[in-house]
PDB file of all heavy atoms in Angstrom:
ATOM      1  N   GLU A   1       4.488   2.315  -7.596  1.00  0.00           N
ATOM      2  CA  GLU A   1       5.133   2.725  -6.355  1.00  0.00           C
ATOM      3  C   GLU A   1       4.302   2.280  -5.122  1.00  0.00           C
ATOM      4  O   GLU A   1       4.885   1.861  -4.132  1.00  0.00           O
ATOM      5  CB  GLU A   1       5.319   4.237  -6.354  1.00  0.00           C
ATOM      6  CG  GLU A   1       6.346   4.761  -7.327  1.00  0.00           C
ATOM      7  CD  GLU A   1       6.388   6.250  -7.424  1.00  0.00           C
ATOM      8  OE1 GLU A   1       5.323   6.907  -7.240  1.00  0.00           O
ATOM      9  OE2 GLU A   1       7.463   6.824  -7.652  1.00  0.00           O
ATOM     10  N   MET A   2       3.002   2.395  -5.221  1.00  0.00           N
ATOM     11  CA  MET A   2       2.162   2.012  -4.091  1.00  0.00           C
ATOM     12  C   MET A   2       2.263   0.501  -3.804  1.00  0.00           C
ATOM     13  O   MET A   2       2.396   0.099  -2.646  1.00  0.00           O
ATOM     14  CB  MET A   2       0.680   2.405  -4.327  1.00  0.00           C
ATOM     15  CG  MET A   2      -0.244   2.015  -3.203  1.00  0.00           C
ATOM     16  SD  MET A   2       0.201   2.681  -1.589  1.00  0.00           S
ATOM     17  CE  MET A   2      -0.508   4.351  -1.735  1.00  0.00           C
ATOM     18  N   ARG A   3       2.242  -0.281  -4.831  1.00  0.00           N
ATOM     19  CA  ARG A   3       2.409  -1.719  -4.685  1.00  0.00           C
ATOM     20  C   ARG A   3       3.772  -2.029  -4.044  1.00  0.00           C
ATOM     21  O   ARG A   3       3.881  -2.857  -3.128  1.00  0.00           O
ATOM     22  CB  ARG A   3       2.227  -2.444  -5.984  1.00  0.00           C
ATOM     23  CG  ARG A   3       2.439  -3.941  -5.876  1.00  0.00           C
ATOM     24  CD  ARG A   3       2.041  -4.680  -7.140  1.00  0.00           C
ATOM     25  NE  ARG A   3       2.197  -6.125  -6.946  1.00  0.00           N
ATOM     26  CZ  ARG A   3       1.693  -7.047  -7.751  1.00  0.00           C
ATOM     27  NH1 ARG A   3       0.968  -6.658  -8.822  1.00  0.00           N
ATOM     28  NH2 ARG A   3       1.831  -8.309  -7.516  1.00  0.00           N
ATOM     29  N   ALA A   4       4.811  -1.384  -4.557  1.00  0.00           N
ATOM     30  CA  ALA A   4       6.178  -1.631  -4.055  1.00  0.00           C
ATOM     31  C   ALA A   4       6.292  -1.229  -2.597  1.00  0.00           C
ATOM     32  O   ALA A   4       6.983  -1.888  -1.820  1.00  0.00           O
ATOM     33  CB  ALA A   4       7.178  -0.877  -4.933  1.00  0.00           C
ATOM     34  N   LEU A   5       5.619  -0.126  -2.208  1.00  0.00           N
ATOM     35  CA  LEU A   5       5.710   0.323  -0.806  1.00  0.00           C
ATOM     36  C   LEU A   5       5.083  -0.703   0.131  1.00  0.00           C
ATOM     37  O   LEU A   5       5.698  -1.039   1.167  1.00  0.00           O
ATOM     38  CB  LEU A   5       4.948   1.674  -0.687  1.00  0.00           C
ATOM     39  CG  LEU A   5       4.786   2.207   0.747  1.00  0.00           C
ATOM     40  CD1 LEU A   5       6.140   2.414   1.418  1.00  0.00           C
ATOM     41  CD2 LEU A   5       4.018   3.511   0.704  1.00  0.00           C
ATOM     42  N   ILE A   6       3.920  -1.219  -0.235  1.00  0.00           N
ATOM     43  CA  ILE A   6       3.289  -2.250   0.625  1.00  0.00           C
ATOM     44  C   ILE A   6       4.172  -3.490   0.701  1.00  0.00           C
ATOM     45  O   ILE A   6       4.388  -4.055   1.799  1.00  0.00           O
ATOM     46  CB  ILE A   6       1.898  -2.615   0.105  1.00  0.00           C
ATOM     47  CG1 ILE A   6       0.966  -1.372   0.119  1.00  0.00           C
ATOM     48  CG2 ILE A   6       1.268  -3.748   0.929  1.00  0.00           C
ATOM     49  CD1 ILE A   6       0.633  -0.824   1.470  1.00  0.00           C
ATOM     50  N   GLU A   7       4.709  -3.900  -0.419  1.00  0.00           N
ATOM     51  CA  GLU A   7       5.557  -5.111  -0.431  1.00  0.00           C
ATOM     52  C   GLU A   7       6.804  -4.890   0.392  1.00  0.00           C
ATOM     53  O   GLU A   7       7.249  -5.806   1.114  1.00  0.00           O
ATOM     54  CB  GLU A   7       5.907  -5.458  -1.894  1.00  0.00           C
ATOM     55  CG  GLU A   7       4.737  -5.970  -2.694  1.00  0.00           C
ATOM     56  CD  GLU A   7       5.055  -6.169  -4.167  1.00  0.00           C
ATOM     57  OE1 GLU A   7       6.031  -5.540  -4.649  1.00  0.00           O
ATOM     58  OE2 GLU A   7       4.346  -6.951  -4.822  1.00  0.00           O
ATOM     59  N   TYR A   8       7.364  -3.692   0.328  1.00  0.00           N
ATOM     60  CA  TYR A   8       8.566  -3.365   1.113  1.00  0.00           C
ATOM     61  C   TYR A   8       8.301  -3.500   2.611  1.00  0.00           C
ATOM     62  O   TYR A   8       9.046  -4.102   3.356  1.00  0.00           O
ATOM     63  CB  TYR A   8       9.072  -1.966   0.758  1.00  0.00           C
ATOM     64  CG  TYR A   8      10.218  -1.476   1.597  1.00  0.00           C
ATOM     65  CD1 TYR A   8      11.541  -1.762   1.233  1.00  0.00           C
ATOM     66  CD2 TYR A   8       9.973  -0.730   2.768  1.00  0.00           C
ATOM     67  CE1 TYR A   8      12.608  -1.303   2.006  1.00  0.00           C
ATOM     68  CE2 TYR A   8      11.058  -0.295   3.555  1.00  0.00           C
ATOM     69  CZ  TYR A   8      12.342  -0.578   3.179  1.00  0.00           C
ATOM     70  OH  TYR A   8      13.397  -0.155   3.923  1.00  0.00           O
ATOM     71  N   MET A   9       7.179  -2.894   3.042  1.00  0.00           N
ATOM     72  CA  MET A   9       6.865  -2.921   4.477  1.00  0.00           C
ATOM     73  C   MET A   9       6.572  -4.351   4.931  1.00  0.00           C
ATOM     74  O   MET A   9       7.026  -4.761   6.009  1.00  0.00           O
ATOM     75  CB  MET A   9       5.627  -2.050   4.737  1.00  0.00           C
ATOM     76  CG  MET A   9       5.920  -0.565   4.594  1.00  0.00           C
ATOM     77  SD  MET A   9       7.129   0.032   5.806  1.00  0.00           S
ATOM     78  CE  MET A   9       7.566   1.623   5.087  1.00  0.00           C
ATOM     79  N   MET A  10       5.878  -5.109   4.126  1.00  0.00           N
ATOM     80  CA  MET A  10       5.574  -6.478   4.547  1.00  0.00           C
ATOM     81  C   MET A  10       6.841  -7.342   4.646  1.00  0.00           C
ATOM     82  O   MET A  10       6.900  -8.244   5.444  1.00  0.00           O
ATOM     83  CB  MET A  10       4.557  -7.083   3.546  1.00  0.00           C
ATOM     84  CG  MET A  10       3.184  -6.460   3.592  1.00  0.00           C
ATOM     85  SD  MET A  10       1.985  -7.281   2.554  1.00  0.00           S
ATOM     86  CE  MET A  10       1.792  -8.853   3.413  1.00  0.00           C
ATOM     87  N   GLU A  11       7.803  -6.995   3.816  1.00  0.00           N
ATOM     88  CA  GLU A  11       9.043  -7.790   3.822  1.00  0.00           C
ATOM     89  C   GLU A  11       9.992  -7.368   4.924  1.00  0.00           C
ATOM     90  O   GLU A  11      10.694  -8.202   5.527  1.00  0.00           O
ATOM     91  CB  GLU A  11       9.739  -7.654   2.471  1.00  0.00           C
ATOM     92  CG  GLU A  11      11.057  -8.401   2.354  1.00  0.00           C
ATOM     93  CD  GLU A  11      11.757  -8.250   1.033  1.00  0.00           C
ATOM     94  OE1 GLU A  11      11.167  -7.637   0.118  1.00  0.00           O
ATOM     95  OE2 GLU A  11      12.925  -8.695   0.907  1.00  0.00           O
ATOM     96  N   HIS A  12      10.040  -6.070   5.240  1.00  0.00           N
ATOM     97  CA  HIS A  12      11.067  -5.548   6.154  1.00  0.00           C
ATOM     98  C   HIS A  12      10.604  -5.255   7.577  1.00  0.00           C
ATOM     99  O   HIS A  12      11.437  -5.120   8.464  1.00  0.00           O
ATOM    100  CB  HIS A  12      11.676  -4.267   5.566  1.00  0.00           C
ATOM    101  CG  HIS A  12      12.490  -4.524   4.336  1.00  0.00           C
ATOM    102  ND1 HIS A  12      11.955  -4.502   3.057  1.00  0.00           N
ATOM    103  CD2 HIS A  12      13.813  -4.803   4.177  1.00  0.00           C
ATOM    104  CE1 HIS A  12      12.892  -4.736   2.165  1.00  0.00           C
ATOM    105  NE2 HIS A  12      14.026  -4.933   2.797  1.00  0.00           N
ATOM    106  N   VAL A  13       9.302  -5.167   7.811  1.00  0.00           N
ATOM    107  CA  VAL A  13       8.831  -4.880   9.161  1.00  0.00           C
ATOM    108  C   VAL A  13       8.452  -6.191   9.857  1.00  0.00           C
ATOM    109  O   VAL A  13       7.616  -6.961   9.379  1.00  0.00           O
ATOM    110  CB  VAL A  13       7.584  -3.969   9.128  1.00  0.00           C
ATOM    111  CG1 VAL A  13       7.032  -3.742  10.522  1.00  0.00           C
ATOM    112  CG2 VAL A  13       7.927  -2.616   8.496  1.00  0.00           C
ATOM    113  N   PRO A  14       9.067  -6.471  11.016  1.00  0.00           N
ATOM    114  CA  PRO A  14       8.723  -7.692  11.763  1.00  0.00           C
ATOM    115  C   PRO A  14       7.272  -7.711  12.157  1.00  0.00           C
ATOM    116  O   PRO A  14       6.637  -6.663  12.370  1.00  0.00           O
ATOM    117  CB  PRO A  14       9.636  -7.616  12.999  1.00  0.00           C
ATOM    118  CG  PRO A  14      10.748  -6.652  12.630  1.00  0.00           C
ATOM    119  CD  PRO A  14      10.145  -5.691  11.664  1.00  0.00           C
ATOM    120  N   ASP A  15       6.683  -8.892  12.214  1.00  0.00           N
ATOM    121  CA  ASP A  15       5.307  -9.067  12.637  1.00  0.00           C
ATOM    122  C   ASP A  15       4.270  -8.464  11.662  1.00  0.00           C
ATOM    123  O   ASP A  15       3.098  -8.275  12.019  1.00  0.00           O
ATOM    124  CB  ASP A  15       5.033  -8.490  14.047  1.00  0.00           C
ATOM    125  CG  ASP A  15       5.816  -9.228  15.105  1.00  0.00           C
ATOM    126  OD1 ASP A  15       6.019 -10.458  14.966  1.00  0.00           O
ATOM    127  OD2 ASP A  15       6.223  -8.597  16.097  1.00  0.00           O
ATOM    128  N   SER A  16       4.685  -8.218  10.421  1.00  0.00           N
ATOM    129  CA  SER A  16       3.744  -7.692   9.439  1.00  0.00           C
ATOM    130  C   SER A  16       2.638  -8.688   9.162  1.00  0.00           C
ATOM    131  O   SER A  16       1.518  -8.312   8.758  1.00  0.00           O
ATOM    132  CB  SER A  16       4.468  -7.372   8.114  1.00  0.00           C
ATOM    133  OG  SER A  16       5.171  -6.171   8.215  1.00  0.00           O
ATOM    134  N   ASP A  17       2.931  -9.984   9.377  1.00  0.00           N
ATOM    135  CA  ASP A  17       1.898 -11.012   9.124  1.00  0.00           C
ATOM    136  C   ASP A  17       0.842 -11.010  10.214  1.00  0.00           C
ATOM    137  O   ASP A  17      -0.207 -11.647  10.033  1.00  0.00           O
ATOM    138  CB  ASP A  17       2.571 -12.379   9.005  1.00  0.00           C
ATOM    139  CG  ASP A  17       3.323 -12.756  10.285  1.00  0.00           C
ATOM    140  OD1 ASP A  17       3.893 -11.846  10.938  1.00  0.00           O
ATOM    141  OD2 ASP A  17       3.369 -13.945  10.619  1.00  0.00           O
ATOM    142  N   LYS A  18       1.047 -10.280  11.295  1.00  0.00           N
ATOM    143  CA  LYS A  18       0.115 -10.284  12.425  1.00  0.00           C
ATOM    144  C   LYS A  18      -0.828  -9.059  12.372  1.00  0.00           C
ATOM    145  O   LYS A  18      -1.711  -8.939  13.238  1.00  0.00           O
ATOM    146  CB  LYS A  18       0.870 -10.317  13.739  1.00  0.00           C
ATOM    147  CG  LYS A  18       1.712 -11.561  13.927  1.00  0.00           C
ATOM    148  CD  LYS A  18       2.474 -11.566  15.237  1.00  0.00           C
ATOM    149  CE  LYS A  18       3.352 -12.796  15.370  1.00  0.00           C
ATOM    150  NZ  LYS A  18       4.182 -12.759  16.593  1.00  0.00           N
ATOM    151  N   ILE A  19      -0.595  -8.142  11.411  1.00  0.00           N
ATOM    152  CA  ILE A  19      -1.429  -6.974  11.308  1.00  0.00           C
ATOM    153  C   ILE A  19      -1.951  -6.844   9.890  1.00  0.00           C
ATOM    154  O   ILE A  19      -1.604  -7.650   9.020  1.00  0.00           O
ATOM    155  CB  ILE A  19      -0.675  -5.703  11.728  1.00  0.00           C
ATOM    156  CG1 ILE A  19       0.585  -5.517  10.869  1.00  0.00           C
ATOM    157  CG2 ILE A  19      -0.293  -5.745  13.197  1.00  0.00           C
ATOM    158  CD1 ILE A  19       0.443  -4.557   9.723  1.00  0.00           C
ATOM    159  N   GLU A  20      -2.799  -5.852   9.654  1.00  0.00           N
ATOM    160  CA  GLU A  20      -3.312  -5.592   8.290  1.00  0.00           C
ATOM    161  C   GLU A  20      -2.802  -4.248   7.814  1.00  0.00           C
ATOM    162  O   GLU A  20      -2.792  -3.258   8.542  1.00  0.00           O
ATOM    163  CB  GLU A  20      -4.878  -5.559   8.312  1.00  0.00           C
ATOM    164  CG  GLU A  20      -5.474  -6.898   8.671  1.00  0.00           C
ATOM    165  CD  GLU A  20      -7.003  -6.794   8.779  1.00  0.00           C
ATOM    166  OE1 GLU A  20      -7.521  -5.657   8.760  1.00  0.00           O
ATOM    167  OE2 GLU A  20      -7.662  -7.854   8.885  1.00  0.00           O
ATOM    168  N   TYR A  21      -2.349  -4.239   6.560  1.00  0.00           N
ATOM    169  CA  TYR A  21      -1.967  -2.981   5.947  1.00  0.00           C
ATOM    170  C   TYR A  21      -3.157  -2.394   5.182  1.00  0.00           C
ATOM    171  O   TYR A  21      -3.991  -3.124   4.637  1.00  0.00           O
ATOM    172  CB  TYR A  21      -0.796  -3.197   4.970  1.00  0.00           C
ATOM    173  CG  TYR A  21       0.539  -3.293   5.676  1.00  0.00           C
ATOM    174  CD1 TYR A  21       1.087  -4.535   5.983  1.00  0.00           C
ATOM    175  CD2 TYR A  21       1.199  -2.150   6.099  1.00  0.00           C
ATOM    176  CE1 TYR A  21       2.285  -4.672   6.640  1.00  0.00           C
ATOM    177  CE2 TYR A  21       2.429  -2.270   6.784  1.00  0.00           C
ATOM    178  CZ  TYR A  21       2.954  -3.519   7.035  1.00  0.00           C
ATOM    179  OH  TYR A  21       4.154  -3.649   7.713  1.00  0.00           O
ATOM    180  N   SER A  22      -3.218  -1.072   5.202  1.00  0.00           N
ATOM    181  CA  SER A  22      -4.318  -0.348   4.581  1.00  0.00           C
ATOM    182  C   SER A  22      -3.776   0.735   3.646  1.00  0.00           C
ATOM    183  O   SER A  22      -2.674   1.239   3.869  1.00  0.00           O
ATOM    184  CB  SER A  22      -5.211   0.304   5.695  1.00  0.00           C
ATOM    185  OG  SER A  22      -6.269   1.044   5.139  1.00  0.00           O
ATOM    186  N   VAL A  23      -4.591   1.116   2.666  1.00  0.00           N
ATOM    187  CA  VAL A  23      -4.197   2.192   1.750  1.00  0.00           C
ATOM    188  C   VAL A  23      -5.330   3.239   1.723  1.00  0.00           C
ATOM    189  O   VAL A  23      -6.473   2.933   1.668  1.00  0.00           O
ATOM    190  CB  VAL A  23      -3.900   1.705   0.322  1.00  0.00           C
ATOM    191  CG1 VAL A  23      -2.569   1.005   0.289  1.00  0.00           C
ATOM    192  CG2 VAL A  23      -4.993   0.746  -0.177  1.00  0.00           C
ATOM    193  N   HIS A  24      -4.896   4.494   1.745  1.00  0.00           N
ATOM    194  CA  HIS A  24      -5.832   5.638   1.734  1.00  0.00           C
ATOM    195  C   HIS A  24      -5.268   6.594   0.681  1.00  0.00           C
ATOM    196  O   HIS A  24      -4.329   7.304   0.914  1.00  0.00           O
ATOM    197  CB  HIS A  24      -5.853   6.291   3.115  1.00  0.00           C
ATOM    198  CG  HIS A  24      -6.744   7.526   3.201  1.00  0.00           C
ATOM    199  ND1 HIS A  24      -7.770   7.590   4.094  1.00  0.00           N
ATOM    200  CD2 HIS A  24      -6.703   8.695   2.558  1.00  0.00           C
ATOM    201  CE1 HIS A  24      -8.355   8.782   3.983  1.00  0.00           C
ATOM    202  NE2 HIS A  24      -7.725   9.484   3.021  1.00  0.00           N
ATOM    203  N   CYS A  25      -5.926   6.597  -0.486  1.00  0.00           N
ATOM    204  CA  CYS A  25      -5.364   7.334  -1.616  1.00  0.00           C
ATOM    205  C   CYS A  25      -6.252   8.517  -2.037  1.00  0.00           C
ATOM    206  O   CYS A  25      -7.469   8.410  -2.138  1.00  0.00           O
ATOM    207  CB  CYS A  25      -5.194   6.423  -2.832  1.00  0.00           C
ATOM    208  SG  CYS A  25      -4.106   5.022  -2.488  1.00  0.00           S
ATOM    209  N   HIS A  26      -5.596   9.652  -2.302  1.00  0.00           N
ATOM    210  CA  HIS A  26      -6.293  10.836  -2.820  1.00  0.00           C
ATOM    211  C   HIS A  26      -6.135  10.903  -4.311  1.00  0.00           C
ATOM    212  O   HIS A  26      -5.215  10.338  -4.905  1.00  0.00           O
ATOM    213  CB  HIS A  26      -5.766  12.083  -2.093  1.00  0.00           C
ATOM    214  CG  HIS A  26      -6.377  12.293  -0.757  1.00  0.00           C
ATOM    215  ND1 HIS A  26      -7.388  13.174  -0.529  1.00  0.00           N
ATOM    216  CD2 HIS A  26      -6.128  11.674   0.435  1.00  0.00           C
ATOM    217  CE1 HIS A  26      -7.743  13.106   0.773  1.00  0.00           C
ATOM    218  NE2 HIS A  26      -6.991  12.192   1.372  1.00  0.00           N
ATOM    219  N   ASN A  27      -6.997  11.710  -4.929  1.00  0.00           N
ATOM    220  CA  ASN A  27      -7.186  11.639  -6.366  1.00  0.00           C
ATOM    221  C   ASN A  27      -6.649  12.863  -7.107  1.00  0.00           C
ATOM    222  O   ASN A  27      -7.069  13.186  -8.231  1.00  0.00           O
ATOM    223  CB  ASN A  27      -8.683  11.491  -6.701  1.00  0.00           C
ATOM    224  CG  ASN A  27      -8.923  10.841  -8.066  1.00  0.00           C
ATOM    225  OD1 ASN A  27      -8.201   9.911  -8.441  1.00  0.00           O
ATOM    226  ND2 ASN A  27      -9.920  11.305  -8.759  1.00  0.00           N
ATOM    227  N   ASP A  28      -5.650  13.523  -6.557  1.00  0.00           N
ATOM    228  CA  ASP A  28      -5.131  14.780  -7.139  1.00  0.00           C
ATOM    229  C   ASP A  28      -4.658  14.596  -8.586  1.00  0.00           C
ATOM    230  O   ASP A  28      -4.748  15.512  -9.401  1.00  0.00           O
ATOM    231  CB  ASP A  28      -4.013  15.309  -6.276  1.00  0.00           C
ATOM    232  CG  ASP A  28      -4.497  15.686  -4.873  1.00  0.00           C
ATOM    233  OD1 ASP A  28      -4.833  14.752  -4.150  1.00  0.00           O
ATOM    234  OD2 ASP A  28      -4.607  16.869  -4.565  1.00  0.00           O
ATOM    235  N   LEU A  29      -4.092  13.455  -8.905  1.00  0.00           N
ATOM    236  CA  LEU A  29      -3.639  13.161 -10.270  1.00  0.00           C
ATOM    237  C   LEU A  29      -4.539  12.135 -10.971  1.00  0.00           C
ATOM    238  O   LEU A  29      -4.153  11.565 -11.985  1.00  0.00           O
ATOM    239  CB  LEU A  29      -2.182  12.682 -10.277  1.00  0.00           C
ATOM    240  CG  LEU A  29      -1.161  13.733  -9.792  1.00  0.00           C
ATOM    241  CD1 LEU A  29       0.238  13.117  -9.725  1.00  0.00           C
ATOM    242  CD2 LEU A  29      -1.166  14.932 -10.715  1.00  0.00           C
ATOM    243  N   GLY A  30      -5.714  11.891 -10.386  1.00  0.00           N
ATOM    244  CA  GLY A  30      -6.646  10.990 -11.008  1.00  0.00           C
ATOM    245  C   GLY A  30      -6.307   9.514 -10.907  1.00  0.00           C
ATOM    246  O   GLY A  30      -6.831   8.701 -11.670  1.00  0.00           O
ATOM    247  N   MET A  31      -5.484   9.134  -9.936  1.00  0.00           N
ATOM    248  CA  MET A  31      -5.040   7.746  -9.831  1.00  0.00           C
ATOM    249  C   MET A  31      -5.412   7.084  -8.511  1.00  0.00           C
ATOM    250  O   MET A  31      -4.885   6.033  -8.136  1.00  0.00           O
ATOM    251  CB  MET A  31      -3.534   7.674 -10.021  1.00  0.00           C
ATOM    252  CG  MET A  31      -3.077   8.001 -11.448  1.00  0.00           C
ATOM    253  SD  MET A  31      -1.329   7.641 -11.738  1.00  0.00           S
ATOM    254  CE  MET A  31      -0.575   9.026 -10.883  1.00  0.00           C
ATOM    255  N   ALA A  32      -6.364   7.672  -7.775  1.00  0.00           N
ATOM    256  CA  ALA A  32      -6.688   7.120  -6.443  1.00  0.00           C
ATOM    257  C   ALA A  32      -7.141   5.694  -6.494  1.00  0.00           C
ATOM    258  O   ALA A  32      -6.669   4.850  -5.695  1.00  0.00           O
ATOM    259  CB  ALA A  32      -7.736   7.993  -5.751  1.00  0.00           C
ATOM    260  N   VAL A  33      -8.072   5.383  -7.372  1.00  0.00           N
ATOM    261  CA  VAL A  33      -8.578   4.014  -7.441  1.00  0.00           C
ATOM    262  C   VAL A  33      -7.470   3.036  -7.898  1.00  0.00           C
ATOM    263  O   VAL A  33      -7.295   1.967  -7.320  1.00  0.00           O
ATOM    264  CB  VAL A  33      -9.814   3.904  -8.393  1.00  0.00           C
ATOM    265  CG1 VAL A  33     -10.195   2.448  -8.601  1.00  0.00           C
ATOM    266  CG2 VAL A  33     -10.976   4.696  -7.810  1.00  0.00           C
ATOM    267  N   ALA A  34      -6.736   3.446  -8.931  1.00  0.00           N
ATOM    268  CA  ALA A  34      -5.657   2.586  -9.423  1.00  0.00           C
ATOM    269  C   ALA A  34      -4.581   2.341  -8.338  1.00  0.00           C
ATOM    270  O   ALA A  34      -4.090   1.235  -8.185  1.00  0.00           O
ATOM    271  CB  ALA A  34      -5.010   3.227 -10.666  1.00  0.00           C
ATOM    272  N   ASN A  35      -4.260   3.411  -7.588  1.00  0.00           N
ATOM    273  CA  ASN A  35      -3.241   3.267  -6.542  1.00  0.00           C
ATOM    274  C   ASN A  35      -3.752   2.353  -5.418  1.00  0.00           C
ATOM    275  O   ASN A  35      -2.986   1.516  -4.881  1.00  0.00           O
ATOM    276  CB  ASN A  35      -2.885   4.643  -5.967  1.00  0.00           C
ATOM    277  CG  ASN A  35      -2.027   5.460  -6.897  1.00  0.00           C
ATOM    278  OD1 ASN A  35      -1.303   4.896  -7.739  1.00  0.00           O
ATOM    279  ND2 ASN A  35      -2.093   6.764  -6.796  1.00  0.00           N
ATOM    280  N   ALA A  36      -5.025   2.508  -5.042  1.00  0.00           N
ATOM    281  CA  ALA A  36      -5.564   1.648  -3.974  1.00  0.00           C
ATOM    282  C   ALA A  36      -5.593   0.192  -4.393  1.00  0.00           C
ATOM    283  O   ALA A  36      -5.222  -0.705  -3.620  1.00  0.00           O
ATOM    284  CB  ALA A  36      -6.984   2.119  -3.637  1.00  0.00           C
ATOM    285  N   LEU A  37      -5.977  -0.085  -5.606  1.00  0.00           N
ATOM    286  CA  LEU A  37      -6.010  -1.464  -6.095  1.00  0.00           C
ATOM    287  C   LEU A  37      -4.610  -2.042  -6.200  1.00  0.00           C
ATOM    288  O   LEU A  37      -4.400  -3.243  -5.947  1.00  0.00           O
ATOM    289  CB  LEU A  37      -6.717  -1.538  -7.462  1.00  0.00           C
ATOM    290  CG  LEU A  37      -8.194  -1.181  -7.429  1.00  0.00           C
ATOM    291  CD1 LEU A  37      -8.781  -1.136  -8.841  1.00  0.00           C
ATOM    292  CD2 LEU A  37      -9.001  -2.174  -6.558  1.00  0.00           C
ATOM    293  N   ALA A  38      -3.632  -1.193  -6.595  1.00  0.00           N
ATOM    294  CA  ALA A  38      -2.270  -1.676  -6.637  1.00  0.00           C
ATOM    295  C   ALA A  38      -1.746  -1.998  -5.220  1.00  0.00           C
ATOM    296  O   ALA A  38      -1.006  -2.983  -5.049  1.00  0.00           O
ATOM    297  CB  ALA A  38      -1.394  -0.587  -7.262  1.00  0.00           C
ATOM    298  N   GLY A  39      -2.181  -1.219  -4.225  1.00  0.00           N
ATOM    299  CA  GLY A  39      -1.809  -1.538  -2.870  1.00  0.00           C
ATOM    300  C   GLY A  39      -2.356  -2.887  -2.436  1.00  0.00           C
ATOM    301  O   GLY A  39      -1.687  -3.645  -1.750  1.00  0.00           O
TER     302      GLY A  39
END
């Protein structure tokens, strides 16, 4: 889901190529590192 979210924004938001996307993940379900890397 995290990877798909970043891909969706980059595809649908104008000027996405002119900025940087960032991910900030919490570890409540033990997936923070995996989610960040997927982003």
